[in-house]
Structures are given as C-alpha cells and as structure tokens.
Amino acid sequence: MVLSMERWVGKVAIVTGASSGIGAAVADALVEKGLIVLGVARRSERIEQRAKQLSGKKGKLHAIKADLTKEEDIVKVFKWSKENLGPVHILVNNAGKTASANLTEGKTEDWKSVFDLNVIALSIATREAVKIMKENKINGHIVHVNSVLGHQVLNFPGLNVYPASKFAVTALTETLRQELNHQGLKIKITSVSPGLVESEMSTLNPKLTPERKAIMEHMPILKSEDIADAIVYTLSTPEHVQVHELTIKPAGEKA
C-alpha cells in the first residue's frame, strides 16, 4: 500500500476544536502537507497566532470563530469556507468536551452540553460537509476523533456521560459508512480512538480534581502530535482503502 497526501495538496480541510490539543496538532500537520486548513474554535485568536507562525509552509492556516453548540455557527463555517477557500475535501470532527462528576451527582445542563458538542455538533458538521462533497462530486474524507471510551467504559472516577457520547460517535461512524455506501458515494469515514492524551481535557485541565490528577500522573500518556500523525496516516491511504477504526494507546496502558 502506497501512502501519499499528494491528492489533498491545495484542497480544503476543516478542523473543529483547532485552538489547542489534538485539533491544533492536526491543523498544523495538514498545513505542513500542503492543505488549506480552516481551524474552527471559540478561541480563534489562538489559531490566528499559529497561522502567523506557519506562514511560509506548504499550506495555509485560516481561523474562524464559532460556537459549535449553535447550529447557525456551524452552517456559517461551511458557507464561509465554500465562498472564500473552496469546497471542503476533509473534515476532522475533533471538538469535544467532558463533564467531571458522578452520574448520580451530575447537572442536567452539563450532560446536555457534552452531547451538544460531542454528538449533535459532530452530526451537523458531517451533514454540511457531505452536502458540499456531493454537490461538487468530491471523494472526500471525514474523520471523527473518538476515544477508547467509545468502545469500553473504564473504571475511572468522574467519567459521567462522556463514554456514552463517544459510544454514540462509534455508532454514528458505522451508520454514516452504510449511508454513504447505499448512496454510492466514495466519501471515506474514519473513527480515530485515542487512549489518554495530554490535553486541556486531561492532564492540562486546571479544573482537574486532585483524585483524577493523581491517577493520571501514573498513567502512560500520548501526545497530541501522535494522534495528528495517525490521522495523516488514514488520509494518506489509497482511495480504495478505508481505515474504518483506528485505536491508539500509549505503550504500557493496562486497560
């Protein structure tokens, strides 16, 4: 199997949650490969700063401010991209959040916010991307940044509704694959499921409870760049090859 990113050079990729962590690493990696990348986040100024640092690279990074829990903001992102950069060829649904509390003590609004971002926003963005790909006869690629918790609920305190939201992403990945096949579309869908990654949702979270922090300090951990490299790998596969699910765990992980 020959791996190559050449067919994506000069094409548009949209990356959600691109202000930090995995999203930022993915956006940077795609710019390095020559893509026109639209980074989406509420903290768009962070993306704008990195765009300056990436000037002179093979591709280019653009920033757009959006609250992905609002449908009108998501629709605006794809409209702006189409009118200013071109039709989307790659969508990386990376934006996500968790709510640290026990299910028996959780707040309803926190549960809703997790599902709004991790499931509903992902579904809306996917719908808008597929719509544009169909209109422009693009054999695109959609990547859902999932989690190992989307396949197995681990014995870890305060997971709350997060695993349920990621199990939904696992189901959505397969549902979309079947729909695309039924419609005869050559759009690929990949779920990438990392184990523990150093990010603002984990070890870099200032709101991390002492109990969770102590546990994480003794766990092997991945870097955001590891996940970005994995996503580039899935995008590099030939058009007849679909990496449906890619699980990435740090070496030494016990679960």
Protein backbone atom coordinates (compact mmCIF):
# COMPACT_ATOMS: atom_id res chain seq x y z
CA MET A 1 0.00 0.00 0.00
CA VAL A 2 1.43 3.34 -1.09
CA LEU A 3 0.78 6.17 1.35
CA SER A 4 0.53 9.65 -0.11
CA MET A 5 -1.04 13.02 0.73
CA GLU A 6 -0.47 14.39 -2.77
CA ARG A 7 -4.12 14.29 -3.83
CA TRP A 8 -5.01 16.60 -0.95
CA VAL A 9 -2.42 19.32 -1.69
CA GLY A 10 -4.19 22.64 -2.20
CA LYS A 11 -7.52 21.19 -1.02
CA VAL A 12 -9.59 22.48 1.89
CA ALA A 13 -9.71 20.77 5.28
CA ILE A 14 -11.92 21.91 8.15
CA VAL A 15 -10.74 21.04 11.66
CA THR A 16 -13.00 21.71 14.64
CA GLY A 17 -11.61 22.44 18.08
CA ALA A 18 -8.39 23.66 16.47
CA SER A 19 -7.31 26.12 19.15
CA SER A 20 -5.43 23.54 21.25
CA GLY A 21 -4.59 19.90 21.75
CA ILE A 22 -5.33 17.35 19.04
CA GLY A 23 -7.15 19.87 16.84
CA ALA A 24 -4.21 22.25 16.82
CA ALA A 25 -1.77 19.43 16.08
CA VAL A 26 -3.94 18.14 13.22
CA ALA A 27 -4.31 21.61 11.69
CA ASP A 28 -0.55 22.16 11.84
CA ALA A 29 0.19 18.74 10.32
CA LEU A 30 -2.20 19.30 7.42
CA VAL A 31 -0.68 22.72 6.69
CA GLU A 32 2.73 21.02 6.59
CA LYS A 33 1.30 18.62 3.98
CA GLY A 34 0.14 21.48 1.76
CA LEU A 35 -3.55 21.78 2.61
CA ILE A 36 -5.64 24.90 3.04
CA VAL A 37 -6.88 24.43 6.60
CA LEU A 38 -9.77 26.22 8.26
CA GLY A 39 -9.41 25.94 12.02
CA VAL A 40 -12.66 26.35 13.94
CA ALA A 41 -12.89 27.33 17.61
CA ARG A 42 -14.32 29.87 20.02
CA ARG A 43 -10.75 30.95 20.81
CA SER A 44 -9.96 31.73 17.19
CA GLU A 45 -7.21 34.16 18.20
CA ARG A 46 -5.07 31.17 19.15
CA ILE A 47 -5.43 29.79 15.64
CA GLU A 48 -4.64 33.18 14.13
CA GLN A 49 -1.41 33.29 16.14
CA ARG A 50 -0.37 29.85 14.89
CA ALA A 51 -1.26 30.85 11.34
CA LYS A 52 1.41 33.55 11.57
CA GLN A 53 3.93 31.02 12.85
CA LEU A 54 3.10 28.68 9.95
CA SER A 55 3.49 31.30 7.25
CA GLY A 56 5.85 30.07 4.57
CA LYS A 57 4.77 26.46 4.93
CA LYS A 58 3.45 24.41 2.01
CA GLY A 59 -0.18 25.00 3.01
CA LYS A 60 -2.00 27.75 4.87
CA LEU A 61 -3.99 28.01 8.09
CA HIS A 62 -7.09 30.18 8.41
CA ALA A 63 -9.16 30.80 11.54
CA ILE A 64 -12.86 31.23 12.08
CA LYS A 65 -14.64 31.88 15.36
CA ALA A 66 -17.63 29.66 16.05
CA ASP A 67 -19.61 28.18 18.91
CA LEU A 68 -20.18 24.63 17.71
CA THR A 69 -23.12 24.14 20.07
CA LYS A 70 -25.03 26.57 17.81
CA GLU A 71 -26.23 25.15 14.50
CA GLU A 72 -26.17 28.54 12.79
CA ASP A 73 -22.48 28.91 13.63
CA ILE A 74 -21.64 25.51 12.12
CA VAL A 75 -23.58 26.27 8.93
CA LYS A 76 -21.79 29.63 8.74
CA VAL A 77 -18.38 27.90 8.90
CA PHE A 78 -19.08 25.74 5.86
CA LYS A 79 -20.66 28.60 3.93
CA TRP A 80 -17.68 30.88 4.62
CA SER A 81 -15.23 28.13 3.68
CA LYS A 82 -17.01 27.41 0.38
CA GLU A 83 -17.18 31.09 -0.58
CA ASN A 84 -13.67 32.08 0.49
CA LEU A 85 -11.45 28.99 0.34
CA GLY A 86 -13.29 26.43 -1.76
CA PRO A 87 -15.38 23.32 -1.13
CA VAL A 88 -14.35 21.13 1.78
CA HIS A 89 -12.49 17.89 0.97
CA ILE A 90 -11.60 16.81 4.51
CA LEU A 91 -13.49 17.28 7.76
CA VAL A 92 -11.89 16.44 11.10
CA ASN A 93 -14.55 16.41 13.82
CA ASN A 94 -12.26 16.94 16.78
CA ALA A 95 -14.11 19.34 19.10
CA GLY A 96 -15.27 17.68 22.28
CA LYS A 97 -15.70 18.13 26.00
CA THR A 98 -16.27 16.22 29.20
CA ALA A 99 -18.02 16.98 32.47
CA SER A 100 -16.28 15.70 35.58
CA ALA A 101 -18.83 14.42 38.06
CA ASN A 102 -20.56 11.21 39.01
CA LEU A 103 -23.76 10.38 37.14
CA THR A 104 -25.66 10.39 40.43
CA GLU A 105 -24.48 13.95 41.15
CA GLY A 106 -24.24 15.43 37.64
CA LYS A 107 -26.04 18.51 36.39
CA THR A 108 -28.52 18.21 33.55
CA GLU A 109 -27.10 21.23 31.75
CA ASP A 110 -23.62 19.65 31.82
CA TRP A 111 -24.94 16.43 30.30
CA LYS A 112 -26.69 18.36 27.56
CA SER A 113 -23.58 20.42 26.78
CA VAL A 114 -21.48 17.26 26.35
CA PHE A 115 -23.96 15.70 23.93
CA ASP A 116 -24.50 19.01 22.12
CA LEU A 117 -20.79 19.22 21.28
CA ASN A 118 -19.65 15.60 21.11
CA VAL A 119 -22.65 14.23 19.20
CA ILE A 120 -25.01 16.87 17.78
CA ALA A 121 -22.34 19.33 16.56
CA LEU A 122 -20.39 16.45 15.02
CA SER A 123 -23.53 15.29 13.21
CA ILE A 124 -24.37 18.77 11.91
CA ALA A 125 -20.82 19.37 10.67
CA THR A 126 -20.81 15.96 8.98
CA ARG A 127 -24.12 16.70 7.27
CA GLU A 128 -22.87 20.04 5.94
CA ALA A 129 -19.58 18.51 4.73
CA VAL A 130 -21.29 15.63 2.92
CA LYS A 131 -23.73 18.05 1.30
CA ILE A 132 -20.86 20.07 -0.20
CA MET A 133 -18.90 16.97 -1.20
CA LYS A 134 -21.94 15.59 -3.03
CA GLU A 135 -22.64 18.89 -4.80
CA ASN A 136 -19.03 19.09 -6.02
CA LYS A 137 -18.53 15.36 -6.69
CA ILE A 138 -15.68 15.21 -4.18
CA ASN A 139 -14.34 11.89 -2.92
CA GLY A 140 -13.68 13.38 0.47
CA HIS A 141 -12.75 12.04 3.88
CA ILE A 142 -14.41 12.61 7.26
CA VAL A 143 -12.55 11.82 10.48
CA HIS A 144 -14.28 11.54 13.84
CA VAL A 145 -11.93 11.95 16.80
CA ASN A 146 -13.44 9.32 19.05
CA SER A 147 -11.97 7.71 22.19
CA VAL A 148 -11.18 4.30 23.62
CA LEU A 149 -14.08 5.20 25.91
CA GLY A 150 -16.32 4.96 22.86
CA HIS A 151 -15.73 1.20 22.91
CA GLN A 152 -15.24 0.33 26.56
CA VAL A 153 -16.23 2.03 29.82
CA LEU A 154 -13.16 2.06 32.03
CA ASN A 155 -13.10 2.01 35.81
CA PHE A 156 -12.13 5.65 36.22
CA PRO A 157 -13.75 8.26 38.50
CA GLY A 158 -15.97 11.01 37.15
CA LEU A 159 -16.43 9.83 33.56
CA ASN A 160 -20.07 10.86 33.68
CA VAL A 161 -21.82 10.89 30.27
CA TYR A 162 -18.58 11.20 28.28
CA PRO A 163 -18.31 7.48 27.39
CA ALA A 164 -21.97 7.46 26.31
CA SER A 165 -21.30 10.39 23.97
CA LYS A 166 -18.32 8.58 22.47
CA PHE A 167 -20.23 5.31 22.10
CA ALA A 168 -22.64 7.43 20.05
CA VAL A 169 -19.72 8.52 17.83
CA THR A 170 -18.83 4.86 17.25
CA ALA A 171 -22.41 4.17 16.14
CA LEU A 172 -22.53 7.31 14.00
CA THR A 173 -19.36 6.26 12.20
CA GLU A 174 -20.83 2.93 11.12
CA THR A 175 -24.23 4.45 10.30
CA LEU A 176 -22.55 7.02 8.05
CA ARG A 177 -20.42 4.36 6.35
CA GLN A 178 -23.54 2.40 5.49
CA GLU A 179 -25.39 5.51 4.27
CA LEU A 180 -22.51 6.58 2.03
CA ASN A 181 -22.30 3.08 0.57
CA HIS A 182 -26.05 2.99 -0.04
CA GLN A 183 -25.84 6.31 -1.90
CA GLY A 184 -22.88 5.14 -3.96
CA LEU A 185 -20.66 7.93 -2.65
CA LYS A 186 -16.88 7.49 -2.42
CA ILE A 187 -16.54 9.56 0.73
CA LYS A 188 -14.49 7.80 3.40
CA ILE A 189 -15.25 7.86 7.12
CA THR A 190 -12.73 7.05 9.86
CA SER A 191 -13.08 6.89 13.63
CA VAL A 192 -9.81 7.53 15.48
CA SER A 193 -9.94 6.40 19.11
CA PRO A 194 -7.05 7.52 21.31
CA GLY A 195 -6.29 6.45 24.84
CA LEU A 196 -5.19 9.10 27.33
CA VAL A 197 -3.79 12.17 25.56
CA GLU A 198 -2.07 15.13 27.16
CA SER A 199 -4.58 17.95 26.61
CA GLU A 200 -6.79 20.55 28.26
CA MET A 201 -9.38 17.81 28.76
CA SER A 202 -6.95 15.66 30.76
CA THR A 203 -3.64 16.45 32.46
CA LEU A 204 -3.61 20.12 31.41
CA ASN A 205 -7.12 20.77 32.74
CA PRO A 206 -6.87 23.41 35.52
CA LYS A 207 -10.17 22.14 36.98
CA LEU A 208 -8.86 18.60 37.38
CA THR A 209 -9.71 17.14 40.77
CA PRO A 210 -6.76 16.04 42.94
CA GLU A 211 -8.03 12.44 42.74
CA ARG A 212 -8.09 12.38 38.92
CA LYS A 213 -4.77 14.24 38.70
CA ALA A 214 -3.06 11.70 40.96
CA ILE A 215 -4.36 8.81 38.86
CA MET A 216 -3.32 10.39 35.55
CA GLU A 217 0.18 11.18 36.79
CA HIS A 218 0.87 7.45 37.00
CA MET A 219 -0.62 6.56 33.62
CA PRO A 220 1.23 6.35 30.28
CA ILE A 221 0.11 9.14 28.01
CA LEU A 222 0.07 10.14 24.34
CA LYS A 223 0.93 13.49 22.78
CA SER A 224 -1.48 15.38 20.52
CA GLU A 225 1.06 15.03 17.71
CA ASP A 226 0.74 11.23 17.95
CA ILE A 227 -2.95 11.48 17.08
CA ALA A 228 -2.28 14.01 14.33
CA ASP A 229 0.22 11.59 12.77
CA ALA A 230 -2.37 8.82 12.93
CA ILE A 231 -4.97 10.99 11.21
CA VAL A 232 -2.49 11.90 8.47
CA TYR A 233 -1.89 8.16 8.02
CA THR A 234 -5.60 7.47 7.49
CA LEU A 235 -5.81 10.34 4.98
CA SER A 236 -2.74 9.02 3.15
CA THR A 237 -4.27 5.66 2.26
CA PRO A 238 -5.27 4.96 -1.38
CA GLU A 239 -8.86 5.75 -2.37
CA HIS A 240 -9.83 2.07 -2.34
CA VAL A 241 -8.60 1.64 1.27
CA GLN A 242 -10.78 2.72 4.18
CA VAL A 243 -9.44 2.72 7.73
CA HIS A 244 -12.76 2.43 9.50
CA GLU A 245 -11.49 2.37 13.08
CA LEU A 246 -8.02 3.20 14.39
CA THR A 247 -7.33 2.71 18.09
CA ILE A 248 -4.20 4.30 19.54
CA LYS A 249 -3.00 3.54 23.06
CA PRO A 250 0.18 4.64 24.79
CA ALA A 251 2.66 1.82 25.29
CA GLY A 252 2.19 0.29 28.72
CA GLU A 253 -1.51 1.16 29.06
CA LYS A 254 -3.11 -1.52 31.23
CA ALA A 255 -6.77 -1.13 30.23
